[in-house]
Every structure is written in C-alpha cells, then in structure tokens.
Amino acid sequence: MRALVQRVTQARVSVAGAVLGDIGPGLMILVCAMRGDTGTEAEKLAARVSKLRVFRDDRDRMNRSLLDVGGAALVVSQFTLAADTRGGNRPGFSAAAAPEDGQQLYERFAAHLQGLGVPVATGRFGADMQVSLVNDGPVTIWIDTDV
C-alpha cells in the first residue's frame, strides 16, 4: 500500500457540499491500495503511520507520533497515488488495486488505525471528494509498504 501523509492543523473532506470528515491537529492521509496488497499491508501501513514521529517535542524536534500527541487522522482513498507517468503525459493506473479490493483495504487501514487508538474520520471510497487542509510545517511524507 501507499500513503501520502501530511501533518495538518486542520483538514476536511466533503462530497457534494456535505462534510464527511473533519479533524483538527493530526494527519491527513491519502491512501492507495496497490495490486497484490493484502490486509497485512493495510495493517502494517496503519501501524507505521500511527508511530511516524513527525510532531514537535518540547525541543521543537520532530520526535512525537500521532499517538503521542493525541492527534486525529483524516483518511481519504486516493487511487491516483498509483499513477505511472513514464509512458507520456497521460498517467496510467494499472498498478492500483481493483476497486473492490481497494475499498476493502482502505476500510481495513482506517479501522486498524482507529483500533490503535487514533480518532479517524474518512471520506467516501470512489466518490468525487473535495479536500481542504492546512499543512503544518509543511510536513509531507510518502510511505510505501513494499520498501
């Protein structure tokens, strides 16, 4: 699986003007299931994200995790993270999991993250979503489970 993680002071996801998820300080997490991923990768990614030390400690160093600071997570499915642009100007998405697999793994990721003690808000899988956020830092980190 693949995630783009952003430290935020706030983030929100809406569909057709209706807010689905809204968080204060924490992480905005765009998640993509890749072909061949299983529940193991979803849980591994959730555990890594929950322990990712990107929040400031009392010495102003990035040394605290989402769990340490009691932050929340906004988890949004994002199959375009699987984009392959090597073949030209139009990205290909054949590396992304099939939609039914992607949805199951996205939901498993969010559920496992919540099970680890992180308050989780989500978007709607497959929907045309509008996401707004205030990136804190800015801090933006790319994570792949296969690396």
N, C-alpha and C. Protein backbone atom coordinates (compact mmCIF):
# COMPACT_ATOMS: atom_id res chain seq x y z
N MET A 1 0.84 -1.18 0.00
CA MET A 1 0.00 0.00 0.00
C MET A 1 0.88 1.23 0.00
N ARG A 2 0.26 2.31 -0.31
CA ARG A 2 0.98 3.58 -0.45
C ARG A 2 0.16 4.66 0.25
N ALA A 3 0.88 5.58 0.90
CA ALA A 3 0.19 6.69 1.57
C ALA A 3 1.00 7.96 1.41
N LEU A 4 0.29 9.05 1.29
CA LEU A 4 0.87 10.38 1.35
C LEU A 4 0.33 10.99 2.63
N VAL A 5 1.23 11.27 3.56
CA VAL A 5 0.86 11.71 4.91
C VAL A 5 1.26 13.17 5.07
N GLN A 6 0.32 13.98 5.53
CA GLN A 6 0.59 15.40 5.75
C GLN A 6 0.22 15.77 7.18
N ARG A 7 1.15 16.42 7.86
CA ARG A 7 0.85 16.94 9.20
C ARG A 7 -0.01 18.18 9.01
N VAL A 8 -1.14 18.24 9.70
CA VAL A 8 -2.09 19.34 9.50
C VAL A 8 -2.52 19.96 10.82
N THR A 9 -2.94 21.21 10.74
CA THR A 9 -3.61 21.83 11.88
C THR A 9 -5.11 21.61 11.78
N GLN A 10 -5.59 21.38 10.53
CA GLN A 10 -6.99 21.01 10.30
C GLN A 10 -7.13 20.44 8.91
N ALA A 11 -8.14 19.60 8.72
CA ALA A 11 -8.42 19.02 7.41
C ALA A 11 -9.89 18.62 7.35
N ARG A 12 -10.43 18.66 6.13
CA ARG A 12 -11.86 18.37 5.93
C ARG A 12 -12.05 17.73 4.57
N VAL A 13 -12.99 16.79 4.48
CA VAL A 13 -13.37 16.19 3.21
C VAL A 13 -14.88 16.30 3.06
N SER A 14 -15.30 16.68 1.85
CA SER A 14 -16.72 16.86 1.55
C SER A 14 -17.07 16.15 0.26
N VAL A 15 -18.34 15.78 0.12
CA VAL A 15 -18.90 15.26 -1.12
C VAL A 15 -20.18 16.03 -1.39
N ALA A 16 -20.27 16.65 -2.55
CA ALA A 16 -21.44 17.42 -2.96
C ALA A 16 -21.85 18.44 -1.88
N GLY A 17 -20.87 19.07 -1.27
CA GLY A 17 -21.13 20.11 -0.28
C GLY A 17 -21.38 19.61 1.13
N ALA A 18 -21.50 18.31 1.31
CA ALA A 18 -21.73 17.74 2.65
C ALA A 18 -20.41 17.28 3.25
N VAL A 19 -20.10 17.77 4.44
CA VAL A 19 -18.86 17.39 5.11
C VAL A 19 -18.97 15.96 5.62
N LEU A 20 -18.01 15.12 5.22
CA LEU A 20 -17.98 13.73 5.68
C LEU A 20 -17.00 13.54 6.83
N GLY A 21 -15.90 14.26 6.78
CA GLY A 21 -14.87 14.12 7.80
C GLY A 21 -14.21 15.44 8.05
N ASP A 22 -13.90 15.71 9.32
CA ASP A 22 -13.33 17.00 9.72
C ASP A 22 -12.47 16.74 10.95
N ILE A 23 -11.19 17.14 10.89
CA ILE A 23 -10.31 16.96 12.04
C ILE A 23 -9.58 18.26 12.35
N GLY A 24 -9.09 18.34 13.57
CA GLY A 24 -8.19 19.41 13.98
C GLY A 24 -6.77 18.92 13.78
N PRO A 25 -5.87 19.21 14.71
CA PRO A 25 -4.47 18.80 14.56
C PRO A 25 -4.32 17.29 14.41
N GLY A 26 -3.47 16.90 13.47
CA GLY A 26 -3.23 15.48 13.24
C GLY A 26 -2.62 15.24 11.89
N LEU A 27 -3.09 14.17 11.23
CA LEU A 27 -2.55 13.78 9.93
C LEU A 27 -3.65 13.65 8.89
N MET A 28 -3.42 14.21 7.73
CA MET A 28 -4.22 13.97 6.54
C MET A 28 -3.53 12.84 5.81
N ILE A 29 -4.24 11.73 5.57
CA ILE A 29 -3.62 10.55 4.99
C ILE A 29 -4.36 10.15 3.72
N LEU A 30 -3.69 10.31 2.58
CA LEU A 30 -4.21 9.83 1.31
C LEU A 30 -3.69 8.41 1.13
N VAL A 31 -4.58 7.45 0.88
CA VAL A 31 -4.21 6.03 0.87
C VAL A 31 -4.57 5.39 -0.46
N CYS A 32 -3.64 4.58 -0.97
CA CYS A 32 -3.86 3.84 -2.22
C CYS A 32 -3.46 2.38 -2.01
N ALA A 33 -4.39 1.49 -2.31
CA ALA A 33 -4.08 0.06 -2.32
C ALA A 33 -3.53 -0.29 -3.70
N MET A 34 -2.44 -1.04 -3.69
CA MET A 34 -1.79 -1.44 -4.93
C MET A 34 -2.16 -2.89 -5.25
N ARG A 35 -2.07 -3.26 -6.54
CA ARG A 35 -2.34 -4.65 -6.94
C ARG A 35 -1.49 -5.60 -6.11
N GLY A 36 -2.10 -6.64 -5.60
CA GLY A 36 -1.39 -7.64 -4.82
C GLY A 36 -1.36 -7.36 -3.32
N ASP A 37 -1.79 -6.16 -2.90
CA ASP A 37 -1.82 -5.86 -1.47
C ASP A 37 -2.85 -6.72 -0.76
N THR A 38 -2.58 -6.97 0.52
CA THR A 38 -3.49 -7.75 1.36
C THR A 38 -3.77 -6.97 2.64
N GLY A 39 -4.57 -7.56 3.49
CA GLY A 39 -4.84 -6.95 4.78
C GLY A 39 -3.59 -6.74 5.61
N THR A 40 -2.60 -7.58 5.40
CA THR A 40 -1.33 -7.44 6.11
C THR A 40 -0.69 -6.08 5.82
N GLU A 41 -0.68 -5.69 4.53
CA GLU A 41 -0.12 -4.39 4.17
C GLU A 41 -0.93 -3.25 4.76
N ALA A 42 -2.25 -3.39 4.78
CA ALA A 42 -3.11 -2.34 5.34
C ALA A 42 -2.80 -2.13 6.82
N GLU A 43 -2.67 -3.22 7.56
CA GLU A 43 -2.38 -3.12 8.99
C GLU A 43 -0.96 -2.63 9.25
N LYS A 44 -0.01 -3.08 8.42
CA LYS A 44 1.37 -2.64 8.56
C LYS A 44 1.47 -1.13 8.32
N LEU A 45 0.79 -0.64 7.29
CA LEU A 45 0.81 0.78 6.98
C LEU A 45 0.17 1.59 8.11
N ALA A 46 -0.95 1.12 8.64
CA ALA A 46 -1.61 1.82 9.74
C ALA A 46 -0.69 1.91 10.96
N ALA A 47 -0.01 0.82 11.27
CA ALA A 47 0.91 0.82 12.41
C ALA A 47 2.06 1.80 12.19
N ARG A 48 2.61 1.81 10.98
CA ARG A 48 3.71 2.75 10.67
C ARG A 48 3.26 4.19 10.79
N VAL A 49 2.09 4.50 10.25
CA VAL A 49 1.58 5.87 10.28
C VAL A 49 1.32 6.31 11.72
N SER A 50 0.77 5.42 12.53
CA SER A 50 0.44 5.79 13.91
C SER A 50 1.69 6.12 14.73
N LYS A 51 2.84 5.53 14.34
CA LYS A 51 4.08 5.73 15.08
C LYS A 51 5.06 6.69 14.40
N LEU A 52 4.66 7.25 13.25
CA LEU A 52 5.52 8.15 12.50
C LEU A 52 5.79 9.40 13.32
N ARG A 53 7.04 9.66 13.61
CA ARG A 53 7.41 10.77 14.51
C ARG A 53 7.61 12.06 13.70
N VAL A 54 6.51 12.76 13.50
CA VAL A 54 6.54 13.99 12.71
C VAL A 54 6.00 15.20 13.47
N PHE A 55 5.69 15.02 14.74
CA PHE A 55 5.18 16.12 15.56
C PHE A 55 6.29 16.62 16.48
N ARG A 56 6.26 17.91 16.75
CA ARG A 56 7.32 18.55 17.55
C ARG A 56 7.27 18.13 19.01
N ASP A 57 8.46 17.95 19.58
CA ASP A 57 8.57 17.72 21.02
C ASP A 57 8.86 19.05 21.70
N ASP A 58 9.17 19.01 22.99
CA ASP A 58 9.41 20.25 23.74
C ASP A 58 10.69 20.97 23.33
N ARG A 59 11.54 20.31 22.52
CA ARG A 59 12.75 20.95 22.00
C ARG A 59 12.59 21.35 20.53
N ASP A 60 11.35 21.33 20.05
CA ASP A 60 11.00 21.72 18.69
C ASP A 60 11.57 20.78 17.63
N ARG A 61 11.77 19.51 18.00
CA ARG A 61 12.25 18.49 17.07
C ARG A 61 11.09 17.58 16.69
N MET A 62 11.11 17.09 15.47
CA MET A 62 10.08 16.12 15.06
C MET A 62 10.42 14.79 15.72
N ASN A 63 9.76 14.55 16.85
CA ASN A 63 10.11 13.40 17.66
C ASN A 63 8.90 12.73 18.30
N ARG A 64 7.70 13.20 17.98
CA ARG A 64 6.49 12.65 18.59
C ARG A 64 5.56 12.11 17.50
N SER A 65 4.84 11.06 17.85
CA SER A 65 3.93 10.42 16.90
C SER A 65 2.50 10.92 17.08
N LEU A 66 1.66 10.52 16.18
CA LEU A 66 0.23 10.83 16.26
C LEU A 66 -0.34 10.31 17.57
N LEU A 67 0.08 9.13 17.98
CA LEU A 67 -0.37 8.57 19.26
C LEU A 67 0.14 9.39 20.43
N ASP A 68 1.38 9.84 20.35
CA ASP A 68 1.98 10.64 21.43
C ASP A 68 1.24 11.95 21.66
N VAL A 69 0.82 12.59 20.56
CA VAL A 69 0.20 13.92 20.68
C VAL A 69 -1.32 13.86 20.78
N GLY A 70 -1.91 12.68 20.64
CA GLY A 70 -3.36 12.56 20.70
C GLY A 70 -4.06 13.19 19.52
N GLY A 71 -3.40 13.19 18.37
CA GLY A 71 -3.97 13.78 17.17
C GLY A 71 -4.95 12.85 16.48
N ALA A 72 -5.67 13.40 15.52
CA ALA A 72 -6.65 12.64 14.74
C ALA A 72 -6.11 12.39 13.34
N ALA A 73 -6.79 11.53 12.59
CA ALA A 73 -6.41 11.24 11.21
C ALA A 73 -7.63 11.39 10.31
N LEU A 74 -7.43 12.05 9.19
CA LEU A 74 -8.43 12.08 8.13
C LEU A 74 -7.90 11.19 7.03
N VAL A 75 -8.60 10.08 6.77
CA VAL A 75 -8.16 9.08 5.81
C VAL A 75 -9.03 9.16 4.57
N VAL A 76 -8.38 9.39 3.42
CA VAL A 76 -9.10 9.55 2.16
C VAL A 76 -8.49 8.60 1.13
N SER A 77 -9.34 7.85 0.43
CA SER A 77 -8.85 6.95 -0.62
C SER A 77 -8.36 7.79 -1.80
N GLN A 78 -7.26 7.34 -2.42
CA GLN A 78 -6.63 8.14 -3.47
C GLN A 78 -5.93 7.22 -4.45
N PHE A 79 -6.70 6.60 -5.37
CA PHE A 79 -6.09 5.64 -6.30
C PHE A 79 -5.06 6.30 -7.22
N THR A 80 -5.11 7.61 -7.37
CA THR A 80 -4.16 8.27 -8.27
C THR A 80 -2.73 8.26 -7.72
N LEU A 81 -2.53 7.85 -6.48
CA LEU A 81 -1.17 7.68 -5.96
C LEU A 81 -0.45 6.54 -6.69
N ALA A 82 -1.21 5.71 -7.42
CA ALA A 82 -0.61 4.62 -8.19
C ALA A 82 -0.22 5.06 -9.60
N ALA A 83 -0.31 6.35 -9.89
CA ALA A 83 -0.06 6.85 -11.24
C ALA A 83 1.31 6.47 -11.76
N ASP A 84 1.34 6.02 -13.00
CA ASP A 84 2.59 5.76 -13.71
C ASP A 84 2.64 6.76 -14.86
N THR A 85 3.62 7.65 -14.82
CA THR A 85 3.74 8.69 -15.84
C THR A 85 4.93 8.47 -16.76
N ARG A 86 5.53 7.30 -16.69
CA ARG A 86 6.72 7.03 -17.51
C ARG A 86 6.39 6.94 -18.99
N GLY A 87 5.15 6.64 -19.34
CA GLY A 87 4.80 6.43 -20.74
C GLY A 87 4.31 7.66 -21.46
N GLY A 88 4.36 8.82 -20.84
CA GLY A 88 3.91 10.03 -21.52
C GLY A 88 3.19 10.96 -20.57
N ASN A 89 2.31 11.75 -21.13
CA ASN A 89 1.63 12.78 -20.34
C ASN A 89 0.35 12.32 -19.68
N ARG A 90 -0.20 11.20 -20.12
CA ARG A 90 -1.42 10.69 -19.50
C ARG A 90 -1.05 9.58 -18.53
N PRO A 91 -1.33 9.76 -17.23
CA PRO A 91 -0.95 8.73 -16.26
C PRO A 91 -1.75 7.44 -16.44
N GLY A 92 -1.10 6.34 -16.15
CA GLY A 92 -1.76 5.04 -16.13
C GLY A 92 -1.92 4.59 -14.68
N PHE A 93 -2.98 3.85 -14.42
CA PHE A 93 -3.28 3.45 -13.04
C PHE A 93 -3.39 1.94 -12.88
N SER A 94 -2.75 1.19 -13.77
CA SER A 94 -2.87 -0.27 -13.72
C SER A 94 -2.22 -0.88 -12.48
N ALA A 95 -1.37 -0.14 -11.78
CA ALA A 95 -0.74 -0.66 -10.56
C ALA A 95 -1.68 -0.59 -9.36
N ALA A 96 -2.77 0.16 -9.47
CA ALA A 96 -3.73 0.26 -8.36
C ALA A 96 -4.53 -1.02 -8.25
N ALA A 97 -4.95 -1.33 -7.04
CA ALA A 97 -5.80 -2.49 -6.81
C ALA A 97 -7.14 -2.29 -7.50
N ALA A 98 -7.81 -3.39 -7.82
CA ALA A 98 -9.17 -3.32 -8.36
C ALA A 98 -10.05 -2.60 -7.34
N PRO A 99 -11.08 -1.87 -7.80
CA PRO A 99 -11.89 -1.08 -6.88
C PRO A 99 -12.43 -1.85 -5.66
N GLU A 100 -12.92 -3.05 -5.86
CA GLU A 100 -13.46 -3.80 -4.70
C GLU A 100 -12.36 -4.14 -3.69
N ASP A 101 -11.19 -4.49 -4.18
CA ASP A 101 -10.05 -4.76 -3.29
C ASP A 101 -9.57 -3.47 -2.63
N GLY A 102 -9.50 -2.41 -3.42
CA GLY A 102 -9.07 -1.13 -2.90
C GLY A 102 -9.97 -0.63 -1.77
N GLN A 103 -11.26 -0.78 -1.95
CA GLN A 103 -12.19 -0.34 -0.91
C GLN A 103 -12.02 -1.15 0.37
N GLN A 104 -11.91 -2.44 0.23
CA GLN A 104 -11.73 -3.31 1.41
C GLN A 104 -10.45 -2.94 2.16
N LEU A 105 -9.37 -2.72 1.44
CA LEU A 105 -8.09 -2.41 2.08
C LEU A 105 -8.08 -1.00 2.68
N TYR A 106 -8.71 -0.06 2.01
CA TYR A 106 -8.84 1.30 2.54
C TYR A 106 -9.61 1.26 3.86
N GLU A 107 -10.72 0.53 3.89
CA GLU A 107 -11.52 0.43 5.10
C GLU A 107 -10.76 -0.31 6.20
N ARG A 108 -10.01 -1.33 5.83
CA ARG A 108 -9.21 -2.06 6.82
C ARG A 108 -8.12 -1.18 7.41
N PHE A 109 -7.47 -0.38 6.56
CA PHE A 109 -6.46 0.56 7.03
C PHE A 109 -7.07 1.51 8.07
N ALA A 110 -8.19 2.14 7.72
CA ALA A 110 -8.83 3.10 8.61
C ALA A 110 -9.27 2.43 9.91
N ALA A 111 -9.84 1.24 9.83
CA ALA A 111 -10.30 0.54 11.02
C ALA A 111 -9.13 0.15 11.92
N HIS A 112 -8.04 -0.29 11.32
CA HIS A 112 -6.88 -0.69 12.11
C HIS A 112 -6.25 0.54 12.79
N LEU A 113 -6.17 1.64 12.07
CA LEU A 113 -5.64 2.87 12.66
C LEU A 113 -6.50 3.29 13.85
N GLN A 114 -7.80 3.20 13.69
CA GLN A 114 -8.70 3.54 14.80
C GLN A 114 -8.53 2.56 15.96
N GLY A 115 -8.35 1.29 15.62
CA GLY A 115 -8.13 0.28 16.65
C GLY A 115 -6.85 0.49 17.44
N LEU A 116 -5.90 1.20 16.85
CA LEU A 116 -4.65 1.52 17.54
C LEU A 116 -4.80 2.71 18.49
N GLY A 117 -5.98 3.33 18.47
CA GLY A 117 -6.26 4.43 19.39
C GLY A 117 -6.28 5.81 18.76
N VAL A 118 -6.26 5.87 17.43
CA VAL A 118 -6.28 7.16 16.73
C VAL A 118 -7.72 7.48 16.34
N PRO A 119 -8.24 8.66 16.71
CA PRO A 119 -9.55 9.08 16.21
C PRO A 119 -9.46 9.24 14.68
N VAL A 120 -10.37 8.59 13.95
CA VAL A 120 -10.30 8.57 12.49
C VAL A 120 -11.59 9.11 11.89
N ALA A 121 -11.44 10.01 10.92
CA ALA A 121 -12.52 10.45 10.06
C ALA A 121 -12.16 10.00 8.65
N THR A 122 -13.16 9.75 7.81
CA THR A 122 -12.89 9.26 6.46
C THR A 122 -13.70 9.99 5.42
N GLY A 123 -13.26 9.80 4.18
CA GLY A 123 -14.03 10.24 3.03
C GLY A 123 -14.94 9.10 2.60
N ARG A 124 -15.36 9.12 1.33
CA ARG A 124 -16.21 8.06 0.78
C ARG A 124 -15.48 7.45 -0.41
N PHE A 125 -15.19 6.17 -0.32
CA PHE A 125 -14.43 5.49 -1.37
C PHE A 125 -15.12 5.67 -2.72
N GLY A 126 -14.34 6.05 -3.72
CA GLY A 126 -14.84 6.16 -5.09
C GLY A 126 -15.62 7.43 -5.40
N ALA A 127 -15.85 8.26 -4.39
CA ALA A 127 -16.64 9.48 -4.61
C ALA A 127 -15.75 10.60 -5.14
N ASP A 128 -16.38 11.58 -5.76
CA ASP A 128 -15.70 12.81 -6.16
C ASP A 128 -15.67 13.69 -4.92
N MET A 129 -14.51 13.75 -4.27
CA MET A 129 -14.40 14.45 -2.99
C MET A 129 -13.65 15.76 -3.13
N GLN A 130 -13.96 16.68 -2.25
CA GLN A 130 -13.23 17.92 -2.13
C GLN A 130 -12.53 17.89 -0.78
N VAL A 131 -11.22 18.08 -0.81
CA VAL A 131 -10.41 18.01 0.40
C VAL A 131 -9.78 19.38 0.63
N SER A 132 -9.86 19.85 1.87
CA SER A 132 -9.16 21.08 2.22
C SER A 132 -8.35 20.80 3.47
N LEU A 133 -7.20 21.46 3.55
CA LEU A 133 -6.33 21.22 4.70
C LEU A 133 -5.39 22.40 4.89
N VAL A 134 -4.88 22.48 6.10
CA VAL A 134 -3.81 23.42 6.39
C VAL A 134 -2.62 22.56 6.79
N ASN A 135 -1.65 22.47 5.87
CA ASN A 135 -0.46 21.66 6.09
C ASN A 135 0.42 22.40 7.09
N ASP A 136 0.79 21.71 8.15
CA ASP A 136 1.57 22.29 9.23
C ASP A 136 3.05 22.01 9.01
N GLY A 137 3.81 23.03 8.77
CA GLY A 137 5.26 22.87 8.60
C GLY A 137 5.79 23.57 7.37
N PRO A 138 5.52 23.12 6.19
CA PRO A 138 4.75 21.94 5.82
C PRO A 138 5.54 20.65 6.01
N VAL A 139 4.81 19.62 6.41
CA VAL A 139 5.39 18.28 6.54
C VAL A 139 4.54 17.35 5.67
N THR A 140 5.17 16.75 4.66
CA THR A 140 4.51 15.81 3.76
C THR A 140 5.45 14.64 3.53
N ILE A 141 4.96 13.43 3.78
CA ILE A 141 5.81 12.23 3.70
C ILE A 141 5.11 11.15 2.92
N TRP A 142 5.87 10.50 2.04
CA TRP A 142 5.40 9.41 1.19
C TRP A 142 5.83 8.10 1.86
N ILE A 143 4.90 7.14 1.98
CA ILE A 143 5.22 5.83 2.57
C ILE A 143 4.71 4.73 1.66
N ASP A 144 5.57 3.77 1.37
CA ASP A 144 5.20 2.55 0.66
C ASP A 144 5.46 1.37 1.57
N THR A 145 4.56 0.41 1.62
CA THR A 145 4.79 -0.77 2.45
C THR A 145 5.79 -1.73 1.84
N ASP A 146 6.01 -1.64 0.54
CA ASP A 146 6.93 -2.58 -0.11
C ASP A 146 8.38 -2.13 -0.09
N VAL A 147 8.66 -1.03 0.57
CA VAL A 147 10.04 -0.52 0.66
C VAL A 147 10.60 -0.79 2.04
